[in-house]
Amino acid sequence: MVKIRLVRLGAKKKPFYRVVVADSRTAATGSVIEQIGTYDTLKNPPEIKVDVEAAKKWLANGAQPTETVKALLKKAGVYEK
């Protein structure tokens, strides 16, 4: 199954996340199919950048977002379920 999930990057105590599309069987930092956005928690307010067209395409093709990504996509105006 294809998942839309976060991949953590950044230094210790300075997290930065990428919103990626990946196979659910790969490791959390393993290979990804496509990077569709970023999430920076250190900015005030947290900054969410998502390629809306790519996210809608993957959701239409059956990709399942994780709970955290689902909340981020709702804030970005992509996910409405």
PDB file of N, CA and C in Angstrom:
ATOM      1  N   MET A   1       0.843  -1.171   0.000  1.00  0.00           N
ATOM      2  CA  MET A   1       0.000   0.000   0.000  1.00  0.00           C
ATOM      3  C   MET A   1       0.895   1.242   0.000  1.00  0.00           C
ATOM      4  N   VAL A   2       0.452   2.257  -0.685  1.00  0.00           N
ATOM      5  CA  VAL A   2       1.190   3.515  -0.757  1.00  0.00           C
ATOM      6  C   VAL A   2       0.683   4.444   0.335  1.00  0.00           C
ATOM      7  N   LYS A   3       1.615   5.036   1.081  1.00  0.00           N
ATOM      8  CA  LYS A   3       1.274   5.938   2.181  1.00  0.00           C
ATOM      9  C   LYS A   3       1.843   7.319   1.909  1.00  0.00           C
ATOM     10  N   ILE A   4       1.154   8.333   2.405  1.00  0.00           N
ATOM     11  CA  ILE A   4       1.688   9.692   2.441  1.00  0.00           C
ATOM     12  C   ILE A   4       2.081   9.916   3.889  1.00  0.00           C
ATOM     13  N   ARG A   5       3.370  10.144   4.127  1.00  0.00           N
ATOM     14  CA  ARG A   5       3.846  10.244   5.499  1.00  0.00           C
ATOM     15  C   ARG A   5       4.954  11.278   5.618  1.00  0.00           C
ATOM     16  N   LEU A   6       5.381  11.510   6.868  1.00  0.00           N
ATOM     17  CA  LEU A   6       6.447  12.459   7.147  1.00  0.00           C
ATOM     18  C   LEU A   6       7.776  11.728   7.285  1.00  0.00           C
ATOM     19  N   VAL A   7       8.843  12.374   6.829  1.00  0.00           N
ATOM     20  CA  VAL A   7      10.206  11.887   7.032  1.00  0.00           C
ATOM     21  C   VAL A   7      10.930  12.974   7.798  1.00  0.00           C
ATOM     22  N   ARG A   8      11.514  12.605   8.950  1.00  0.00           N
ATOM     23  CA  ARG A   8      12.183  13.599   9.790  1.00  0.00           C
ATOM     24  C   ARG A   8      13.604  13.828   9.312  1.00  0.00           C
ATOM     25  N   LEU A   9      13.944  15.097   9.196  1.00  0.00           N
ATOM     26  CA  LEU A   9      15.298  15.519   8.856  1.00  0.00           C
ATOM     27  C   LEU A   9      15.732  16.545   9.894  1.00  0.00           C
ATOM     28  N   GLY A  10      16.901  17.099   9.728  1.00  0.00           N
ATOM     29  CA  GLY A  10      17.363  18.148  10.620  1.00  0.00           C
ATOM     30  C   GLY A  10      18.245  17.607  11.725  1.00  0.00           C
ATOM     31  N   ALA A  11      18.839  18.522  12.439  1.00  0.00           N
ATOM     32  CA  ALA A  11      19.767  18.169  13.506  1.00  0.00           C
ATOM     33  C   ALA A  11      19.015  17.825  14.784  1.00  0.00           C
ATOM     34  N   LYS A  12      19.769  17.421  15.775  1.00  0.00           N
ATOM     35  CA  LYS A  12      19.202  17.090  17.073  1.00  0.00           C
ATOM     36  C   LYS A  12      18.482  18.314  17.648  1.00  0.00           C
ATOM     37  N   LYS A  13      17.248  18.133  18.056  1.00  0.00           N
ATOM     38  CA  LYS A  13      16.382  19.171  18.621  1.00  0.00           C
ATOM     39  C   LYS A  13      16.045  20.291  17.636  1.00  0.00           C
ATOM     40  N   LYS A  14      16.254  20.049  16.353  1.00  0.00           N
ATOM     41  CA  LYS A  14      15.873  21.001  15.311  1.00  0.00           C
ATOM     42  C   LYS A  14      15.194  20.246  14.183  1.00  0.00           C
ATOM     43  N   PRO A  15      13.987  19.735  14.433  1.00  0.00           N
ATOM     44  CA  PRO A  15      13.338  18.890  13.432  1.00  0.00           C
ATOM     45  C   PRO A  15      12.838  19.668  12.222  1.00  0.00           C
ATOM     46  N   PHE A  16      12.903  18.996  11.095  1.00  0.00           N
ATOM     47  CA  PHE A  16      12.362  19.485   9.831  1.00  0.00           C
ATOM     48  C   PHE A  16      11.805  18.264   9.126  1.00  0.00           C
ATOM     49  N   TYR A  17      10.627  18.377   8.569  1.00  0.00           N
ATOM     50  CA  TYR A  17       9.969  17.211   7.986  1.00  0.00           C
ATOM     51  C   TYR A  17       9.693  17.413   6.507  1.00  0.00           C
ATOM     52  N   ARG A  18       9.725  16.310   5.759  1.00  0.00           N
ATOM     53  CA  ARG A  18       9.286  16.281   4.370  1.00  0.00           C
ATOM     54  C   ARG A  18       8.017  15.444   4.301  1.00  0.00           C
ATOM     55  N   VAL A  19       7.057  15.890   3.504  1.00  0.00           N
ATOM     56  CA  VAL A  19       5.855  15.111   3.248  1.00  0.00           C
ATOM     57  C   VAL A  19       6.152  14.309   1.992  1.00  0.00           C
ATOM     58  N   VAL A  20       6.166  12.973   2.133  1.00  0.00           N
ATOM     59  CA  VAL A  20       6.563  12.118   1.015  1.00  0.00           C
ATOM     60  C   VAL A  20       5.515  11.043   0.759  1.00  0.00           C
ATOM     61  N   VAL A  21       5.551  10.517  -0.454  1.00  0.00           N
ATOM     62  CA  VAL A  21       4.745   9.363  -0.840  1.00  0.00           C
ATOM     63  C   VAL A  21       5.702   8.181  -0.893  1.00  0.00           C
ATOM     64  N   ALA A  22       5.395   7.123  -0.121  1.00  0.00           N
ATOM     65  CA  ALA A  22       6.294   5.974  -0.055  1.00  0.00           C
ATOM     66  C   ALA A  22       5.487   4.698   0.120  1.00  0.00           C
ATOM     67  N   ASP A  23       6.112   3.596  -0.223  1.00  0.00           N
ATOM     68  CA  ASP A  23       5.516   2.283   0.013  1.00  0.00           C
ATOM     69  C   ASP A  23       5.497   2.051   1.519  1.00  0.00           C
ATOM     70  N   SER A  24       4.419   1.520   2.045  1.00  0.00           N
ATOM     71  CA  SER A  24       4.296   1.333   3.492  1.00  0.00           C
ATOM     72  C   SER A  24       5.277   0.310   4.042  1.00  0.00           C
ATOM     73  N   ARG A  25       5.854  -0.519   3.171  1.00  0.00           N
ATOM     74  CA  ARG A  25       6.790  -1.546   3.633  1.00  0.00           C
ATOM     75  C   ARG A  25       8.218  -1.043   3.749  1.00  0.00           C
ATOM     76  N   THR A  26       8.526   0.153   3.244  1.00  0.00           N
ATOM     77  CA  THR A  26       9.886   0.661   3.330  1.00  0.00           C
ATOM     78  C   THR A  26      10.141   1.279   4.696  1.00  0.00           C
ATOM     79  N   ALA A  27      11.415   1.442   5.036  1.00  0.00           N
ATOM     80  CA  ALA A  27      11.797   2.036   6.316  1.00  0.00           C
ATOM     81  C   ALA A  27      11.376   3.503   6.354  1.00  0.00           C
ATOM     82  N   ALA A  28      11.306   4.046   7.554  1.00  0.00           N
ATOM     83  CA  ALA A  28      10.856   5.422   7.731  1.00  0.00           C
ATOM     84  C   ALA A  28      11.747   6.410   6.992  1.00  0.00           C
ATOM     85  N   THR A  29      13.022   6.129   6.891  1.00  0.00           N
ATOM     86  CA  THR A  29      13.938   6.999   6.163  1.00  0.00           C
ATOM     87  C   THR A  29      14.418   6.341   4.878  1.00  0.00           C
ATOM     88  N   GLY A  30      13.672   5.355   4.413  1.00  0.00           N
ATOM     89  CA  GLY A  30      14.056   4.620   3.209  1.00  0.00           C
ATOM     90  C   GLY A  30      13.699   5.358   1.939  1.00  0.00           C
ATOM     91  N   SER A  31      13.638   4.606   0.860  1.00  0.00           N
ATOM     92  CA  SER A  31      13.365   5.212  -0.443  1.00  0.00           C
ATOM     93  C   SER A  31      11.930   5.720  -0.510  1.00  0.00           C
ATOM     94  N   VAL A  32      11.751   6.799  -1.259  1.00  0.00           N
ATOM     95  CA  VAL A  32      10.424   7.397  -1.415  1.00  0.00           C
ATOM     96  C   VAL A  32      10.077   7.428  -2.898  1.00  0.00           C
ATOM     97  N   ILE A  33       8.781   7.489  -3.179  1.00  0.00           N
ATOM     98  CA  ILE A  33       8.315   7.574  -4.554  1.00  0.00           C
ATOM     99  C   ILE A  33       8.375   9.026  -5.026  1.00  0.00           C
ATOM    100  N   GLU A  34       7.874   9.939  -4.178  1.00  0.00           N
ATOM    101  CA  GLU A  34       7.855  11.353  -4.544  1.00  0.00           C
ATOM    102  C   GLU A  34       7.790  12.211  -3.293  1.00  0.00           C
ATOM    103  N   GLN A  35       8.482  13.340  -3.308  1.00  0.00           N
ATOM    104  CA  GLN A  35       8.378  14.318  -2.233  1.00  0.00           C
ATOM    105  C   GLN A  35       7.343  15.351  -2.654  1.00  0.00           C
ATOM    106  N   ILE A  36       6.314  15.559  -1.817  1.00  0.00           N
ATOM    107  CA  ILE A  36       5.248  16.481  -2.218  1.00  0.00           C
ATOM    108  C   ILE A  36       5.150  17.713  -1.336  1.00  0.00           C
ATOM    109  N   GLY A  37       6.005  17.828  -0.306  1.00  0.00           N
ATOM    110  CA  GLY A  37       5.930  19.027   0.515  1.00  0.00           C
ATOM    111  C   GLY A  37       6.896  19.008   1.674  1.00  0.00           C
ATOM    112  N   THR A  38       6.830  20.090   2.479  1.00  0.00           N
ATOM    113  CA  THR A  38       7.665  20.213   3.667  1.00  0.00           C
ATOM    114  C   THR A  38       6.816  20.715   4.825  1.00  0.00           C
ATOM    115  N   TYR A  39       7.331  20.492   6.037  1.00  0.00           N
ATOM    116  CA  TYR A  39       6.665  20.932   7.259  1.00  0.00           C
ATOM    117  C   TYR A  39       7.750  21.369   8.225  1.00  0.00           C
ATOM    118  N   ASP A  40       7.773  22.655   8.556  1.00  0.00           N
ATOM    119  CA  ASP A  40       8.794  23.209   9.441  1.00  0.00           C
ATOM    120  C   ASP A  40       8.139  23.616  10.748  1.00  0.00           C
ATOM    121  N   THR A  41       8.409  22.857  11.800  1.00  0.00           N
ATOM    122  CA  THR A  41       7.781  23.109  13.101  1.00  0.00           C
ATOM    123  C   THR A  41       8.471  24.207  13.885  1.00  0.00           C
ATOM    124  N   LEU A  42       9.666  24.593  13.498  1.00  0.00           N
ATOM    125  CA  LEU A  42      10.421  25.581  14.266  1.00  0.00           C
ATOM    126  C   LEU A  42       9.959  27.011  14.004  1.00  0.00           C
ATOM    127  N   LYS A  43       9.303  27.256  12.898  1.00  0.00           N
ATOM    128  CA  LYS A  43       8.803  28.597  12.605  1.00  0.00           C
ATOM    129  C   LYS A  43       7.533  28.845  13.409  1.00  0.00           C
ATOM    130  N   ASN A  44       7.247  30.111  13.644  1.00  0.00           N
ATOM    131  CA  ASN A  44       6.069  30.456  14.424  1.00  0.00           C
ATOM    132  C   ASN A  44       5.161  31.325  13.562  1.00  0.00           C
ATOM    133  N   PRO A  45       4.018  30.871  13.096  1.00  0.00           N
ATOM    134  CA  PRO A  45       3.416  29.546  13.237  1.00  0.00           C
ATOM    135  C   PRO A  45       4.124  28.523  12.342  1.00  0.00           C
ATOM    136  N   PRO A  46       3.945  27.236  12.626  1.00  0.00           N
ATOM    137  CA  PRO A  46       4.595  26.198  11.810  1.00  0.00           C
ATOM    138  C   PRO A  46       4.248  26.351  10.325  1.00  0.00           C
ATOM    139  N   GLU A  47       5.257  26.173   9.488  1.00  0.00           N
ATOM    140  CA  GLU A  47       5.097  26.392   8.052  1.00  0.00           C
ATOM    141  C   GLU A  47       4.825  25.078   7.335  1.00  0.00           C
ATOM    142  N   ILE A  48       3.730  25.041   6.573  1.00  0.00           N
ATOM    143  CA  ILE A  48       3.353  23.865   5.794  1.00  0.00           C
ATOM    144  C   ILE A  48       3.355  24.244   4.319  1.00  0.00           C
ATOM    145  N   LYS A  49       4.167  23.558   3.521  1.00  0.00           N
ATOM    146  CA  LYS A  49       4.185  23.770   2.077  1.00  0.00           C
ATOM    147  C   LYS A  49       3.901  22.427   1.422  1.00  0.00           C
ATOM    148  N   VAL A  50       2.795  22.356   0.664  1.00  0.00           N
ATOM    149  CA  VAL A  50       2.396  21.112   0.017  1.00  0.00           C
ATOM    150  C   VAL A  50       2.050  21.400  -1.441  1.00  0.00           C
ATOM    151  N   ASP A  51       2.528  20.545  -2.337  1.00  0.00           N
ATOM    152  CA  ASP A  51       2.138  20.615  -3.745  1.00  0.00           C
ATOM    153  C   ASP A  51       0.719  20.045  -3.826  1.00  0.00           C
ATOM    154  N   VAL A  52      -0.256  20.931  -3.911  1.00  0.00           N
ATOM    155  CA  VAL A  52      -1.669  20.551  -3.839  1.00  0.00           C
ATOM    156  C   VAL A  52      -2.046  19.584  -4.958  1.00  0.00           C
ATOM    157  N   GLU A  53      -1.586  19.864  -6.168  1.00  0.00           N
ATOM    158  CA  GLU A  53      -1.933  19.006  -7.308  1.00  0.00           C
ATOM    159  C   GLU A  53      -1.384  17.593  -7.121  1.00  0.00           C
ATOM    160  N   ALA A  54      -0.141  17.482  -6.678  1.00  0.00           N
ATOM    161  CA  ALA A  54       0.457  16.164  -6.471  1.00  0.00           C
ATOM    162  C   ALA A  54      -0.253  15.416  -5.353  1.00  0.00           C
ATOM    163  N   ALA A  55      -0.592  16.116  -4.277  1.00  0.00           N
ATOM    164  CA  ALA A  55      -1.282  15.477  -3.161  1.00  0.00           C
ATOM    165  C   ALA A  55      -2.657  14.958  -3.599  1.00  0.00           C
ATOM    166  N   LYS A  56      -3.400  15.758  -4.349  1.00  0.00           N
ATOM    167  CA  LYS A  56      -4.718  15.331  -4.829  1.00  0.00           C
ATOM    168  C   LYS A  56      -4.593  14.142  -5.773  1.00  0.00           C
ATOM    169  N   LYS A  57      -3.550  14.159  -6.609  1.00  0.00           N
ATOM    170  CA  LYS A  57      -3.337  13.050  -7.551  1.00  0.00           C
ATOM    171  C   LYS A  57      -3.097  11.754  -6.789  1.00  0.00           C
ATOM    172  N   TRP A  58      -2.233  11.793  -5.765  1.00  0.00           N
ATOM    173  CA  TRP A  58      -1.932  10.583  -5.009  1.00  0.00           C
ATOM    174  C   TRP A  58      -3.125  10.108  -4.194  1.00  0.00           C
ATOM    175  N   LEU A  59      -3.894  11.030  -3.624  1.00  0.00           N
ATOM    176  CA  LEU A  59      -5.092  10.638  -2.885  1.00  0.00           C
ATOM    177  C   LEU A  59      -6.115  10.003  -3.816  1.00  0.00           C
ATOM    178  N   ALA A  60      -6.243  10.533  -5.031  1.00  0.00           N
ATOM    179  CA  ALA A  60      -7.172   9.964  -6.007  1.00  0.00           C
ATOM    180  C   ALA A  60      -6.730   8.580  -6.460  1.00  0.00           C
ATOM    181  N   ASN A  61      -5.427   8.330  -6.459  1.00  0.00           N
ATOM    182  CA  ASN A  61      -4.898   7.025  -6.860  1.00  0.00           C
ATOM    183  C   ASN A  61      -4.883   6.019  -5.715  1.00  0.00           C
ATOM    184  N   GLY A  62      -5.369   6.403  -4.533  1.00  0.00           N
ATOM    185  CA  GLY A  62      -5.512   5.452  -3.443  1.00  0.00           C
ATOM    186  C   GLY A  62      -4.464   5.511  -2.360  1.00  0.00           C
ATOM    187  N   ALA A  63      -3.596   6.514  -2.365  1.00  0.00           N
ATOM    188  CA  ALA A  63      -2.599   6.636  -1.295  1.00  0.00           C
ATOM    189  C   ALA A  63      -3.296   7.017   0.003  1.00  0.00           C
ATOM    190  N   GLN A  64      -2.872   6.397   1.104  1.00  0.00           N
ATOM    191  CA  GLN A  64      -3.475   6.640   2.407  1.00  0.00           C
ATOM    192  C   GLN A  64      -2.569   7.528   3.243  1.00  0.00           C
ATOM    193  N   PRO A  65      -3.040   8.715   3.695  1.00  0.00           N
ATOM    194  CA  PRO A  65      -2.211   9.561   4.551  1.00  0.00           C
ATOM    195  C   PRO A  65      -2.224   9.058   5.991  1.00  0.00           C
ATOM    196  N   THR A  66      -1.123   9.290   6.704  1.00  0.00           N
ATOM    197  CA  THR A  66      -1.096   8.980   8.133  1.00  0.00           C
ATOM    198  C   THR A  66      -1.965  10.016   8.852  1.00  0.00           C
ATOM    199  N   GLU A  67      -2.233   9.802  10.123  1.00  0.00           N
ATOM    200  CA  GLU A  67      -3.089  10.723  10.873  1.00  0.00           C
ATOM    201  C   GLU A  67      -2.494  12.130  10.919  1.00  0.00           C
ATOM    202  N   THR A  68      -1.190  12.221  11.138  1.00  0.00           N
ATOM    203  CA  THR A  68      -0.535  13.522  11.205  1.00  0.00           C
ATOM    204  C   THR A  68      -0.590  14.222   9.859  1.00  0.00           C
ATOM    205  N   VAL A  69      -0.292  13.505   8.800  1.00  0.00           N
ATOM    206  CA  VAL A  69      -0.325  14.099   7.458  1.00  0.00           C
ATOM    207  C   VAL A  69      -1.748  14.477   7.079  1.00  0.00           C
ATOM    208  N   LYS A  70      -2.718  13.698   7.494  1.00  0.00           N
ATOM    209  CA  LYS A  70      -4.111  14.017   7.221  1.00  0.00           C
ATOM    210  C   LYS A  70      -4.473  15.376   7.832  1.00  0.00           C
ATOM    211  N   ALA A  71      -4.029  15.626   9.055  1.00  0.00           N
ATOM    212  CA  ALA A  71      -4.289  16.905   9.709  1.00  0.00           C
ATOM    213  C   ALA A  71      -3.573  18.046   8.984  1.00  0.00           C
ATOM    214  N   LEU A  72      -2.349  17.809   8.537  1.00  0.00           N
ATOM    215  CA  LEU A  72      -1.601  18.834   7.807  1.00  0.00           C
ATOM    216  C   LEU A  72      -2.261  19.136   6.462  1.00  0.00           C
ATOM    217  N   LEU A  73      -2.731  18.098   5.770  1.00  0.00           N
ATOM    218  CA  LEU A  73      -3.388  18.301   4.483  1.00  0.00           C
ATOM    219  C   LEU A  73      -4.709  19.050   4.639  1.00  0.00           C
ATOM    220  N   LYS A  74      -5.410  18.826   5.753  1.00  0.00           N
ATOM    221  CA  LYS A  74      -6.637  19.578   6.010  1.00  0.00           C
ATOM    222  C   LYS A  74      -6.332  21.051   6.197  1.00  0.00           C
ATOM    223  N   LYS A  75      -5.238  21.353   6.918  1.00  0.00           N
ATOM    224  CA  LYS A  75      -4.845  22.751   7.123  1.00  0.00           C
ATOM    225  C   LYS A  75      -4.420  23.399   5.811  1.00  0.00           C
ATOM    226  N   ALA A  76      -3.824  22.615   4.923  1.00  0.00           N
ATOM    227  CA  ALA A  76      -3.389  23.140   3.634  1.00  0.00           C
ATOM    228  C   ALA A  76      -4.532  23.204   2.629  1.00  0.00           C
ATOM    229  N   GLY A  77      -5.686  22.645   2.975  1.00  0.00           N
ATOM    230  CA  GLY A  77      -6.853  22.704   2.100  1.00  0.00           C
ATOM    231  C   GLY A  77      -6.892  21.633   1.029  1.00  0.00           C
ATOM    232  N   VAL A  78      -6.199  20.511   1.256  1.00  0.00           N
ATOM    233  CA  VAL A  78      -6.144  19.430   0.268  1.00  0.00           C
ATOM    234  C   VAL A  78      -7.109  18.323   0.626  1.00  0.00           C
ATOM    235  N   TYR A  79      -7.141  17.924   1.877  1.00  0.00           N
ATOM    236  CA  TYR A  79      -7.909  16.760   2.323  1.00  0.00           C
ATOM    237  C   TYR A  79      -9.186  17.247   2.986  1.00  0.00           C
ATOM    238  N   GLU A  80     -10.339  16.716   2.546  1.00  0.00           N
ATOM    239  CA  GLU A  80     -11.612  17.214   3.073  1.00  0.00           C
ATOM    240  C   GLU A  80     -12.512  16.130   3.643  1.00  0.00           C
ATOM    241  N   LYS A  81     -11.997  14.922   3.833  1.00  0.00           N
ATOM    242  CA  LYS A  81     -12.854  13.838   4.330  1.00  0.00           C
ATOM    243  C   LYS A  81     -12.989  13.888   5.821  1.00  0.00           C
TER     244      LYS A  81
END
